[in-house]
PDB file of N, CA and C in Angstrom:
ATOM      1  N   UNK A   1     -71.542 -10.336 -21.636  1.00  0.00           N
ATOM      2  CA  UNK A   1     -69.894 -10.526 -21.274  1.00  0.00           C
ATOM      3  C   UNK A   1     -69.087 -11.227 -22.478  1.00  0.00           C
ATOM      4  N   UNK A   2     -69.832 -12.184 -22.808  1.00  0.00           N
ATOM      5  CA  UNK A   2     -69.227 -12.755 -24.171  1.00  0.00           C
ATOM      6  C   UNK A   2     -68.900 -12.079 -25.459  1.00  0.00           C
ATOM      7  N   UNK A   3     -69.913 -11.083 -25.698  1.00  0.00           N
ATOM      8  CA  UNK A   3     -69.519 -10.434 -26.925  1.00  0.00           C
ATOM      9  C   UNK A   3     -68.390  -9.517 -26.268  1.00  0.00           C
ATOM     10  N   UNK A   4     -68.269  -8.674 -25.088  1.00  0.00           N
ATOM     11  CA  UNK A   4     -67.119  -8.191 -24.902  1.00  0.00           C
ATOM     12  C   UNK A   4     -65.629  -8.969 -25.145  1.00  0.00           C
ATOM     13  N   UNK A   5     -65.791 -10.158 -24.698  1.00  0.00           N
ATOM     14  CA  UNK A   5     -64.805 -10.922 -24.975  1.00  0.00           C
ATOM     15  C   UNK A   5     -64.572 -11.513 -26.184  1.00  0.00           C
ATOM     16  N   UNK A   6     -65.245 -11.567 -27.264  1.00  0.00           N
ATOM     17  CA  UNK A   6     -65.336 -11.750 -28.643  1.00  0.00           C
ATOM     18  C   UNK A   6     -64.246 -10.821 -29.489  1.00  0.00           C
ATOM     19  N   UNK A   7     -63.981  -9.914 -29.057  1.00  0.00           N
ATOM     20  CA  UNK A   7     -62.818  -8.875 -29.654  1.00  0.00           C
ATOM     21  C   UNK A   7     -61.472  -9.356 -29.412  1.00  0.00           C
ATOM     22  N   UNK A   8     -60.805  -9.555 -30.198  1.00  0.00           N
ATOM     23  CA  UNK A   8     -59.499 -10.036 -30.244  1.00  0.00           C
ATOM     24  C   UNK A   8     -58.622  -9.128 -29.113  1.00  0.00           C
ATOM     25  N   UNK A   9     -58.635  -7.853 -29.389  1.00  0.00           N
ATOM     26  CA  UNK A   9     -57.696  -6.790 -28.635  1.00  0.00           C
ATOM     27  C   UNK A   9     -58.310  -6.768 -27.105  1.00  0.00           C
ATOM     28  N   UNK A  10     -59.437  -6.786 -27.184  1.00  0.00           N
ATOM     29  CA  UNK A  10     -59.990  -6.816 -25.621  1.00  0.00           C
ATOM     30  C   UNK A  10     -59.604  -7.963 -24.688  1.00  0.00           C
ATOM     31  N   UNK A  11     -59.618  -9.331 -25.695  1.00  0.00           N
ATOM     32  CA  UNK A  11     -59.181 -10.609 -24.815  1.00  0.00           C
ATOM     33  C   UNK A  11     -57.671 -10.443 -24.683  1.00  0.00           C
ATOM     34  N   UNK A  12     -57.030 -10.092 -25.399  1.00  0.00           N
ATOM     35  CA  UNK A  12     -55.461  -9.765 -25.246  1.00  0.00           C
ATOM     36  C   UNK A  12     -55.443  -8.930 -23.785  1.00  0.00           C
ATOM     37  N   UNK A  13     -56.144  -7.629 -23.876  1.00  0.00           N
ATOM     38  CA  UNK A  13     -55.956  -6.881 -22.511  1.00  0.00           C
ATOM     39  C   UNK A  13     -56.168  -7.906 -21.495  1.00  0.00           C
ATOM     40  N   UNK A  14     -57.058  -8.340 -21.634  1.00  0.00           N
ATOM     41  CA  UNK A  14     -57.668  -9.275 -20.320  1.00  0.00           C
ATOM     42  C   UNK A  14     -56.672  -9.995 -20.118  1.00  0.00           C
ATOM     43  N   UNK A  15     -55.882 -10.666 -20.775  1.00  0.00           N
ATOM     44  CA  UNK A  15     -54.822 -11.694 -20.622  1.00  0.00           C
ATOM     45  C   UNK A  15     -53.528 -11.145 -20.152  1.00  0.00           C
ATOM     46  N   UNK A  16     -53.371  -9.851 -20.218  1.00  0.00           N
ATOM     47  CA  UNK A  16     -52.157  -9.258 -19.787  1.00  0.00           C
ATOM     48  C   UNK A  16     -52.631  -8.668 -18.367  1.00  0.00           C
ATOM     49  N   UNK A  17     -53.922  -8.563 -18.292  1.00  0.00           N
ATOM     50  CA  UNK A  17     -54.218  -7.842 -16.927  1.00  0.00           C
ATOM     51  C   UNK A  17     -54.257  -8.943 -15.911  1.00  0.00           C
ATOM     52  N   UNK A  18     -54.792 -10.009 -16.501  1.00  0.00           N
ATOM     53  CA  UNK A  18     -54.584 -11.287 -15.152  1.00  0.00           C
ATOM     54  C   UNK A  18     -53.351 -11.345 -14.945  1.00  0.00           C
ATOM     55  N   UNK A  19     -52.522 -11.406 -15.446  1.00  0.00           N
ATOM     56  CA  UNK A  19     -50.871 -11.314 -14.813  1.00  0.00           C
ATOM     57  C   UNK A  19     -50.768 -10.339 -13.910  1.00  0.00           C
ATOM     58  N   UNK A  20     -50.998  -9.428 -13.935  1.00  0.00           N
ATOM     59  CA  UNK A  20     -50.798  -7.907 -13.394  1.00  0.00           C
ATOM     60  C   UNK A  20     -51.446  -6.856 -13.901  1.00  0.00           C
ATOM     61  N   UNK A  21     -52.098  -5.862 -12.879  1.00  0.00           N
ATOM     62  CA  UNK A  21     -52.782  -4.513 -13.191  1.00  0.00           C
ATOM     63  C   UNK A  21     -51.500  -3.870 -13.888  1.00  0.00           C
ATOM     64  N   UNK A  22     -52.250  -3.132 -14.863  1.00  0.00           N
ATOM     65  CA  UNK A  22     -51.628  -1.939 -15.555  1.00  0.00           C
ATOM     66  C   UNK A  22     -51.917  -0.587 -15.993  1.00  0.00           C
ATOM     67  N   UNK A  23     -51.277   0.203 -16.547  1.00  0.00           N
ATOM     68  CA  UNK A  23     -51.948   1.501 -16.781  1.00  0.00           C
ATOM     69  C   UNK A  23     -52.316   1.542 -18.350  1.00  0.00           C
ATOM     70  N   UNK A  24     -53.161   2.503 -18.849  1.00  0.00           N
ATOM     71  CA  UNK A  24     -53.276   2.579 -19.979  1.00  0.00           C
ATOM     72  C   UNK A  24     -52.022   2.888 -20.861  1.00  0.00           C
ATOM     73  N   UNK A  25     -51.125   3.600 -20.458  1.00  0.00           N
ATOM     74  CA  UNK A  25     -49.878   3.801 -21.195  1.00  0.00           C
ATOM     75  C   UNK A  25     -49.185   2.580 -21.519  1.00  0.00           C
ATOM     76  N   UNK A  26     -49.041   1.624 -20.204  1.00  0.00           N
ATOM     77  CA  UNK A  26     -48.425   0.110 -20.405  1.00  0.00           C
ATOM     78  C   UNK A  26     -48.883  -0.470 -21.645  1.00  0.00           C
ATOM     79  N   UNK A  27     -50.278  -0.823 -21.372  1.00  0.00           N
ATOM     80  CA  UNK A  27     -50.950  -1.483 -22.476  1.00  0.00           C
ATOM     81  C   UNK A  27     -50.775  -0.996 -23.605  1.00  0.00           C
ATOM     82  N   UNK A  28     -51.123   0.303 -24.050  1.00  0.00           N
ATOM     83  CA  UNK A  28     -50.682   1.131 -24.952  1.00  0.00           C
ATOM     84  C   UNK A  28     -48.943   0.832 -25.850  1.00  0.00           C
ATOM     85  N   UNK A  29     -48.449   0.608 -24.944  1.00  0.00           N
ATOM     86  CA  UNK A  29     -47.083   0.146 -25.419  1.00  0.00           C
ATOM     87  C   UNK A  29     -46.916  -1.063 -25.881  1.00  0.00           C
ATOM     88  N   UNK A  30     -47.652  -2.240 -25.340  1.00  0.00           N
ATOM     89  CA  UNK A  30     -47.443  -3.657 -25.276  1.00  0.00           C
ATOM     90  C   UNK A  30     -48.217  -3.957 -26.774  1.00  0.00           C
ATOM     91  N   UNK A  31     -49.210  -3.263 -26.620  1.00  0.00           N
ATOM     92  CA  UNK A  31     -50.067  -3.541 -27.950  1.00  0.00           C
ATOM     93  C   UNK A  31     -49.741  -2.875 -29.169  1.00  0.00           C
ATOM     94  N   UNK A  32     -49.091  -1.467 -29.158  1.00  0.00           N
ATOM     95  CA  UNK A  32     -48.589  -0.698 -30.136  1.00  0.00           C
ATOM     96  C   UNK A  32     -49.758  -0.089 -30.722  1.00  0.00           C
ATOM     97  N   UNK A  33     -51.088  -0.007 -30.150  1.00  0.00           N
ATOM     98  CA  UNK A  33     -51.799   0.697 -30.037  1.00  0.00           C
ATOM     99  C   UNK A  33     -52.072   2.199 -29.975  1.00  0.00           C
ATOM    100  N   UNK A  34     -52.990   3.230 -30.272  1.00  0.00           N
ATOM    101  CA  UNK A  34     -53.202   4.231 -29.879  1.00  0.00           C
ATOM    102  C   UNK A  34     -54.112   4.734 -28.421  1.00  0.00           C
ATOM    103  N   UNK A  35     -53.485   5.528 -27.347  1.00  0.00           N
ATOM    104  CA  UNK A  35     -54.414   5.638 -26.319  1.00  0.00           C
ATOM    105  C   UNK A  35     -55.862   5.584 -26.377  1.00  0.00           C
ATOM    106  N   UNK A  36     -56.154   6.601 -27.450  1.00  0.00           N
ATOM    107  CA  UNK A  36     -57.711   6.656 -27.480  1.00  0.00           C
ATOM    108  C   UNK A  36     -58.512   5.011 -27.909  1.00  0.00           C
ATOM    109  N   UNK A  37     -57.904   4.151 -28.628  1.00  0.00           N
ATOM    110  CA  UNK A  37     -57.978   2.945 -28.730  1.00  0.00           C
ATOM    111  C   UNK A  37     -58.087   2.109 -27.680  1.00  0.00           C
ATOM    112  N   UNK A  38     -57.067   2.009 -26.940  1.00  0.00           N
ATOM    113  CA  UNK A  38     -56.997   1.292 -25.888  1.00  0.00           C
ATOM    114  C   UNK A  38     -58.046   1.765 -24.617  1.00  0.00           C
ATOM    115  N   UNK A  39     -58.075   3.288 -24.552  1.00  0.00           N
ATOM    116  CA  UNK A  39     -59.108   3.710 -23.720  1.00  0.00           C
ATOM    117  C   UNK A  39     -60.621   3.191 -23.836  1.00  0.00           C
ATOM    118  N   UNK A  40     -61.030   3.053 -25.330  1.00  0.00           N
ATOM    119  CA  UNK A  40     -62.281   2.735 -25.757  1.00  0.00           C
ATOM    120  C   UNK A  40     -62.421   1.362 -25.420  1.00  0.00           C
ATOM    121  N   UNK A  41     -61.422   0.558 -25.504  1.00  0.00           N
ATOM    122  CA  UNK A  41     -61.656  -1.337 -25.182  1.00  0.00           C
ATOM    123  C   UNK A  41     -61.748  -1.337 -23.768  1.00  0.00           C
ATOM    124  N   UNK A  42     -60.930  -0.242 -22.864  1.00  0.00           N
ATOM    125  CA  UNK A  42     -61.071  -0.438 -21.300  1.00  0.00           C
ATOM    126  C   UNK A  42     -62.438  -0.109 -20.909  1.00  0.00           C
ATOM    127  N   UNK A  43     -62.728   1.081 -21.642  1.00  0.00           N
ATOM    128  CA  UNK A  43     -64.441   1.482 -21.185  1.00  0.00           C
ATOM    129  C   UNK A  43     -65.215   0.540 -21.251  1.00  0.00           C
ATOM    130  N   UNK A  44     -65.281  -0.290 -22.513  1.00  0.00           N
ATOM    131  CA  UNK A  44     -66.181  -1.488 -22.707  1.00  0.00           C
ATOM    132  C   UNK A  44     -66.127  -2.857 -21.658  1.00  0.00           C
ATOM    133  N   UNK A  45     -64.623  -2.868 -21.369  1.00  0.00           N
ATOM    134  CA  UNK A  45     -64.624  -4.085 -20.414  1.00  0.00           C
ATOM    135  C   UNK A  45     -65.089  -3.476 -19.006  1.00  0.00           C
ATOM    136  N   UNK A  46     -65.013  -2.522 -18.511  1.00  0.00           N
ATOM    137  CA  UNK A  46     -65.426  -1.711 -17.219  1.00  0.00           C
ATOM    138  C   UNK A  46     -66.983  -1.941 -17.298  1.00  0.00           C
ATOM    139  N   UNK A  47     -67.892  -1.386 -18.442  1.00  0.00           N
ATOM    140  CA  UNK A  47     -69.017  -1.397 -18.509  1.00  0.00           C
ATOM    141  C   UNK A  47     -69.509  -2.906 -18.339  1.00  0.00           C
ATOM    142  N   UNK A  48     -69.020  -3.660 -18.861  1.00  0.00           N
ATOM    143  CA  UNK A  48     -69.054  -5.186 -18.667  1.00  0.00           C
ATOM    144  C   UNK A  48     -68.828  -5.488 -17.194  1.00  0.00           C
ATOM    145  N   UNK A  49     -68.288  -4.920 -16.311  1.00  0.00           N
ATOM    146  CA  UNK A  49     -67.856  -5.200 -15.216  1.00  0.00           C
ATOM    147  C   UNK A  49     -66.595  -6.520 -15.110  1.00  0.00           C
ATOM    148  N   UNK A  50     -65.818  -6.372 -16.384  1.00  0.00           N
ATOM    149  CA  UNK A  50     -64.846  -7.345 -16.341  1.00  0.00           C
ATOM    150  C   UNK A  50     -63.573  -6.770 -15.520  1.00  0.00           C
ATOM    151  N   UNK A  51     -63.333  -5.595 -15.736  1.00  0.00           N
ATOM    152  CA  UNK A  51     -61.956  -4.879 -14.900  1.00  0.00           C
ATOM    153  C   UNK A  51     -62.489  -3.924 -14.164  1.00  0.00           C
ATOM    154  N   UNK A  52     -61.560  -3.826 -13.040  1.00  0.00           N
ATOM    155  CA  UNK A  52     -61.666  -2.311 -12.136  1.00  0.00           C
ATOM    156  C   UNK A  52     -60.715  -1.647 -12.263  1.00  0.00           C
ATOM    157  N   UNK A  53     -60.740  -0.345 -11.800  1.00  0.00           N
ATOM    158  CA  UNK A  53     -59.690   0.394 -11.861  1.00  0.00           C
ATOM    159  C   UNK A  53     -59.233   1.114 -10.460  1.00  0.00           C
ATOM    160  N   UNK A  54     -57.977   1.376  -9.801  1.00  0.00           N
ATOM    161  CA  UNK A  54     -57.840   2.187  -8.951  1.00  0.00           C
ATOM    162  C   UNK A  54     -56.784   3.357  -9.271  1.00  0.00           C
ATOM    163  N   UNK A  55     -56.929   4.241  -8.816  1.00  0.00           N
ATOM    164  CA  UNK A  55     -56.160   5.901  -9.006  1.00  0.00           C
ATOM    165  C   UNK A  55     -55.191   5.641  -7.797  1.00  0.00           C
ATOM    166  N   UNK A  56     -53.620   6.178  -8.441  1.00  0.00           N
ATOM    167  CA  UNK A  56     -52.587   6.226  -7.855  1.00  0.00           C
ATOM    168  C   UNK A  56     -51.898   7.915  -8.346  1.00  0.00           C
ATOM    169  N   UNK A  57     -52.483   8.754  -7.678  1.00  0.00           N
ATOM    170  CA  UNK A  57     -51.852  10.207  -8.176  1.00  0.00           C
ATOM    171  C   UNK A  57     -52.353  10.456  -9.515  1.00  0.00           C
ATOM    172  N   UNK A  58     -51.993  10.498 -10.351  1.00  0.00           N
ATOM    173  CA  UNK A  58     -52.504  10.833 -12.010  1.00  0.00           C
ATOM    174  C   UNK A  58     -52.800   9.860 -12.570  1.00  0.00           C
ATOM    175  N   UNK A  59     -52.446   8.540 -12.191  1.00  0.00           N
ATOM    176  CA  UNK A  59     -52.179   7.186 -12.883  1.00  0.00           C
ATOM    177  C   UNK A  59     -53.550   6.493 -12.521  1.00  0.00           C
ATOM    178  N   UNK A  60     -53.890   5.684 -13.508  1.00  0.00           N
ATOM    179  CA  UNK A  60     -55.205   4.787 -13.318  1.00  0.00           C
ATOM    180  C   UNK A  60     -54.827   3.276 -13.684  1.00  0.00           C
ATOM    181  N   UNK A  61     -54.834   2.680 -12.723  1.00  0.00           N
ATOM    182  CA  UNK A  61     -54.240   1.305 -12.969  1.00  0.00           C
ATOM    183  C   UNK A  61     -55.645   0.537 -13.391  1.00  0.00           C
ATOM    184  N   UNK A  62     -55.653  -0.529 -14.107  1.00  0.00           N
ATOM    185  CA  UNK A  62     -56.847  -1.508 -14.385  1.00  0.00           C
ATOM    186  C   UNK A  62     -56.173  -2.957 -14.163  1.00  0.00           C
ATOM    187  N   UNK A  63     -57.314  -3.696 -13.637  1.00  0.00           N
ATOM    188  CA  UNK A  63     -57.278  -5.210 -13.303  1.00  0.00           C
ATOM    189  C   UNK A  63     -58.468  -5.736 -13.464  1.00  0.00           C
ATOM    190  N   UNK A  64     -58.004  -7.149 -13.443  1.00  0.00           N
ATOM    191  CA  UNK A  64     -59.280  -8.013 -13.648  1.00  0.00           C
ATOM    192  C   UNK A  64     -60.182  -7.596 -12.378  1.00  0.00           C
ATOM    193  N   UNK A  65     -61.339  -7.714 -12.672  1.00  0.00           N
ATOM    194  CA  UNK A  65     -62.239  -7.343 -11.534  1.00  0.00           C
ATOM    195  C   UNK A  65     -62.584  -8.311 -10.373  1.00  0.00           C
ATOM    196  N   UNK A  66     -62.380  -9.596 -10.653  1.00  0.00           N
ATOM    197  CA  UNK A  66     -62.374 -10.710  -9.639  1.00  0.00           C
ATOM    198  C   UNK A  66     -61.642 -12.024  -9.930  1.00  0.00           C
ATOM    199  N   UNK A  67     -61.412 -12.817  -8.885  1.00  0.00           N
ATOM    200  CA  UNK A  67     -60.800 -13.685  -9.162  1.00  0.00           C
ATOM    201  C   UNK A  67     -61.661 -15.010 -10.106  1.00  0.00           C
ATOM    202  N   UNK A  68     -62.863 -14.751 -10.111  1.00  0.00           N
ATOM    203  CA  UNK A  68     -63.784 -15.836 -11.214  1.00  0.00           C
ATOM    204  C   UNK A  68     -63.408 -15.278 -12.282  1.00  0.00           C
ATOM    205  N   UNK A  69     -63.356 -13.829 -12.886  1.00  0.00           N
ATOM    206  CA  UNK A  69     -63.054 -13.615 -13.778  1.00  0.00           C
ATOM    207  C   UNK A  69     -61.604 -13.718 -14.456  1.00  0.00           C
ATOM    208  N   UNK A  70     -60.979 -14.008 -13.570  1.00  0.00           N
ATOM    209  CA  UNK A  70     -59.518 -14.398 -13.635  1.00  0.00           C
ATOM    210  C   UNK A  70     -59.423 -15.533 -13.960  1.00  0.00           C
ATOM    211  N   UNK A  71     -60.130 -16.443 -13.609  1.00  0.00           N
ATOM    212  CA  UNK A  71     -60.053 -17.807 -13.953  1.00  0.00           C
ATOM    213  C   UNK A  71     -60.612 -17.929 -15.128  1.00  0.00           C
ATOM    214  N   UNK A  72     -61.626 -17.485 -15.627  1.00  0.00           N
ATOM    215  CA  UNK A  72     -62.195 -17.469 -17.025  1.00  0.00           C
ATOM    216  C   UNK A  72     -61.332 -17.150 -17.853  1.00  0.00           C
ATOM    217  N   UNK A  73     -60.559 -16.089 -17.518  1.00  0.00           N
ATOM    218  CA  UNK A  73     -59.390 -15.413 -18.621  1.00  0.00           C
ATOM    219  C   UNK A  73     -58.326 -16.236 -18.807  1.00  0.00           C
ATOM    220  N   UNK A  74     -57.954 -17.366 -17.699  1.00  0.00           N
ATOM    221  CA  UNK A  74     -56.920 -17.829 -17.769  1.00  0.00           C
ATOM    222  C   UNK A  74     -57.191 -19.131 -18.538  1.00  0.00           C
ATOM    223  N   UNK A  75     -58.483 -19.658 -18.603  1.00  0.00           N
ATOM    224  CA  UNK A  75     -58.609 -20.922 -19.130  1.00  0.00           C
ATOM    225  C   UNK A  75     -58.980 -20.614 -20.202  1.00  0.00           C
ATOM    226  N   UNK A  76     -59.434 -19.358 -20.866  1.00  0.00           N
ATOM    227  CA  UNK A  76     -59.433 -19.148 -22.377  1.00  0.00           C
ATOM    228  C   UNK A  76     -58.113 -18.832 -22.717  1.00  0.00           C
ATOM    229  N   UNK A  77     -56.911 -18.399 -22.001  1.00  0.00           N
ATOM    230  CA  UNK A  77     -55.909 -18.214 -22.569  1.00  0.00           C
ATOM    231  C   UNK A  77     -55.290 -19.609 -22.855  1.00  0.00           C
ATOM    232  N   UNK A  78     -55.526 -20.424 -21.969  1.00  0.00           N
ATOM    233  CA  UNK A  78     -55.046 -21.682 -21.945  1.00  0.00           C
ATOM    234  C   UNK A  78     -55.490 -22.523 -23.101  1.00  0.00           C
ATOM    235  N   UNK A  79     -56.699 -22.661 -23.595  1.00  0.00           N
ATOM    236  CA  UNK A  79     -57.435 -23.162 -24.655  1.00  0.00           C
ATOM    237  C   UNK A  79     -56.849 -22.490 -26.142  1.00  0.00           C
ATOM    238  N   UNK A  80     -57.066 -21.178 -25.962  1.00  0.00           N
ATOM    239  CA  UNK A  80     -56.803 -20.418 -27.373  1.00  0.00           C
ATOM    240  C   UNK A  80     -55.310 -20.219 -27.522  1.00  0.00           C
ATOM    241  N   UNK A  81     -54.370 -19.947 -26.786  1.00  0.00           N
ATOM    242  CA  UNK A  81     -52.973 -19.839 -27.058  1.00  0.00           C
ATOM    243  C   UNK A  81     -52.084 -20.963 -26.886  1.00  0.00           C
ATOM    244  N   UNK A  82     -52.483 -22.054 -27.081  1.00  0.00           N
ATOM    245  CA  UNK A  82     -51.763 -23.208 -26.921  1.00  0.00           C
ATOM    246  C   UNK A  82     -50.086 -23.071 -27.232  1.00  0.00           C
ATOM    247  N   UNK A  83     -50.095 -22.287 -28.430  1.00  0.00           N
ATOM    248  CA  UNK A  83     -48.920 -21.998 -29.054  1.00  0.00           C
ATOM    249  C   UNK A  83     -48.165 -20.698 -28.892  1.00  0.00           C
ATOM    250  N   UNK A  84     -48.821 -19.923 -27.744  1.00  0.00           N
ATOM    251  CA  UNK A  84     -48.355 -18.640 -27.074  1.00  0.00           C
ATOM    252  C   UNK A  84     -49.212 -17.541 -28.036  1.00  0.00           C
ATOM    253  N   UNK A  85     -49.270 -16.692 -26.795  1.00  0.00           N
ATOM    254  CA  UNK A  85     -50.074 -15.221 -27.662  1.00  0.00           C
ATOM    255  C   UNK A  85     -49.083 -14.219 -27.266  1.00  0.00           C
TER     256      UNK A  85
END
């Protein structure tokens, strides 16, 4: 789990998902990254069971997998983003 959290982009994705669920397209737009890159990071987060998905029609929504993980992510954001992320 810590190795998955050690990548800045994955951590930022988790910070965003801790606020509310998002689609790949939404994350892409917010980070300015290509869809393939975002999907690769999300796949790693899913593998580590840090995020879950739900499908609504053609859209797949990603969210932090549990309230415990959300608490860890929020604590990390508090510690490492005092000046804002």
